[in-house]
């Protein structure tokens, strides 16, 4: 049977990829709140910060840079990139696994 490329993946691959993308989005939203100096007393800002801190616990204090905004960009940005890379890798493996 000849190989034919398709965009049809099993639903679990799509769900996992979406979950990792949403995690990266939460982290990037928190990063935007930090850079734009959002009100930390706001319930939404506080909730997103709690979620972002929970998801990026390995990366929060990885680099200790004096400027808090630069430190946030480096540490939280790295966490978001790792989540996007993991989601992309899972999606790629899923495509290869079910299309070979």
Protein backbone atom coordinates (compact mmCIF):
# COMPACT_ATOMS: atom_id res chain seq x y z
CA UNK A 1 0.00 0.00 0.00
CA UNK A 2 1.54 3.34 -1.01
CA UNK A 3 2.16 6.00 1.58
CA UNK A 4 -0.24 8.94 1.54
CA UNK A 5 0.11 11.96 3.78
CA UNK A 6 -2.95 12.88 5.76
CA UNK A 7 -3.92 15.29 8.51
CA UNK A 8 -6.06 12.71 10.28
CA UNK A 9 -4.58 11.78 13.64
CA UNK A 10 -6.20 9.83 16.43
CA UNK A 11 -8.22 12.04 18.76
CA UNK A 12 -5.84 11.41 21.67
CA UNK A 13 -2.93 12.98 19.76
CA UNK A 14 -5.03 16.08 19.06
CA UNK A 15 -6.15 16.34 22.68
CA UNK A 16 -2.63 16.00 24.07
CA UNK A 17 -1.29 18.57 21.60
CA UNK A 18 -4.09 20.99 22.50
CA UNK A 19 -3.46 20.52 26.24
CA UNK A 20 0.24 21.32 25.89
CA UNK A 21 -0.62 24.33 23.74
CA UNK A 22 -3.07 25.61 26.36
CA UNK A 23 -0.45 25.21 29.09
CA UNK A 24 2.01 27.26 27.02
CA UNK A 25 -0.73 29.86 26.42
CA UNK A 26 -1.37 30.16 30.19
CA UNK A 27 2.35 30.67 30.82
CA UNK A 28 2.62 33.27 28.05
CA UNK A 29 -0.48 35.08 29.32
CA UNK A 30 1.12 35.28 32.77
CA UNK A 31 4.29 36.57 31.15
CA UNK A 32 2.26 39.28 29.39
CA UNK A 33 0.67 40.24 32.72
CA UNK A 34 4.13 40.53 34.29
CA UNK A 35 5.53 42.61 31.43
CA UNK A 36 2.51 44.91 31.33
CA UNK A 37 2.50 45.20 35.14
CA UNK A 38 -1.07 43.97 35.58
CA UNK A 39 -2.76 44.43 38.94
CA UNK A 40 -1.72 41.43 41.08
CA UNK A 41 -4.84 41.88 43.21
CA UNK A 42 -7.12 41.12 40.26
CA UNK A 43 -8.63 37.61 40.62
CA UNK A 44 -7.99 36.69 36.96
CA UNK A 45 -4.38 37.86 37.05
CA UNK A 46 -3.87 36.01 40.34
CA UNK A 47 -5.49 32.81 39.01
CA UNK A 48 -3.38 32.82 35.82
CA UNK A 49 -0.25 33.49 37.92
CA UNK A 50 -1.04 30.51 40.16
CA UNK A 51 -1.58 28.24 37.16
CA UNK A 52 1.57 29.47 35.41
CA UNK A 53 3.63 29.02 38.57
CA UNK A 54 2.30 25.50 39.02
CA UNK A 55 3.05 24.48 35.41
CA UNK A 56 6.48 26.09 35.32
CA UNK A 57 7.74 25.10 38.75
CA UNK A 58 10.94 23.60 37.30
CA UNK A 59 11.80 26.79 35.42
CA UNK A 60 10.68 29.59 37.78
CA UNK A 61 14.07 30.26 39.35
CA UNK A 62 16.33 28.59 36.82
CA UNK A 63 18.12 31.83 35.94
CA UNK A 64 18.62 34.52 38.56
CA UNK A 65 18.76 37.76 36.61
CA UNK A 66 18.61 41.11 38.43
CA UNK A 67 15.86 42.67 36.29
CA UNK A 68 12.56 40.96 37.25
CA UNK A 69 11.01 41.43 33.80
CA UNK A 70 13.99 39.92 31.99
CA UNK A 71 14.06 37.08 34.53
CA UNK A 72 10.36 36.41 33.86
CA UNK A 73 10.88 36.43 30.09
CA UNK A 74 13.78 33.99 30.30
CA UNK A 75 12.35 31.58 32.88
CA UNK A 76 8.68 31.55 31.88
CA UNK A 77 9.54 31.82 28.18
CA UNK A 78 11.72 28.74 28.49
CA UNK A 79 8.91 26.86 30.22
CA UNK A 80 6.47 27.81 27.44
CA UNK A 81 8.94 26.70 24.77
CA UNK A 82 9.44 23.34 26.49
CA UNK A 83 5.69 22.73 26.66
CA UNK A 84 5.30 23.67 22.98
CA UNK A 85 8.20 21.39 22.04
CA UNK A 86 6.76 18.46 24.00
CA UNK A 87 3.33 18.97 22.45
CA UNK A 88 4.86 19.21 18.98
CA UNK A 89 6.95 16.09 19.54
CA UNK A 90 3.91 14.13 20.69
CA UNK A 91 1.96 15.34 17.66
CA UNK A 92 4.82 14.38 15.35
CA UNK A 93 5.18 10.94 16.90
CA UNK A 94 1.44 10.44 16.64
CA UNK A 95 1.47 11.35 12.96
CA UNK A 96 4.34 8.96 12.25
CA UNK A 97 2.90 6.15 14.36
CA UNK A 98 -0.53 6.12 12.76
CA UNK A 99 0.53 6.90 9.20
CA UNK A 100 3.28 4.32 8.68
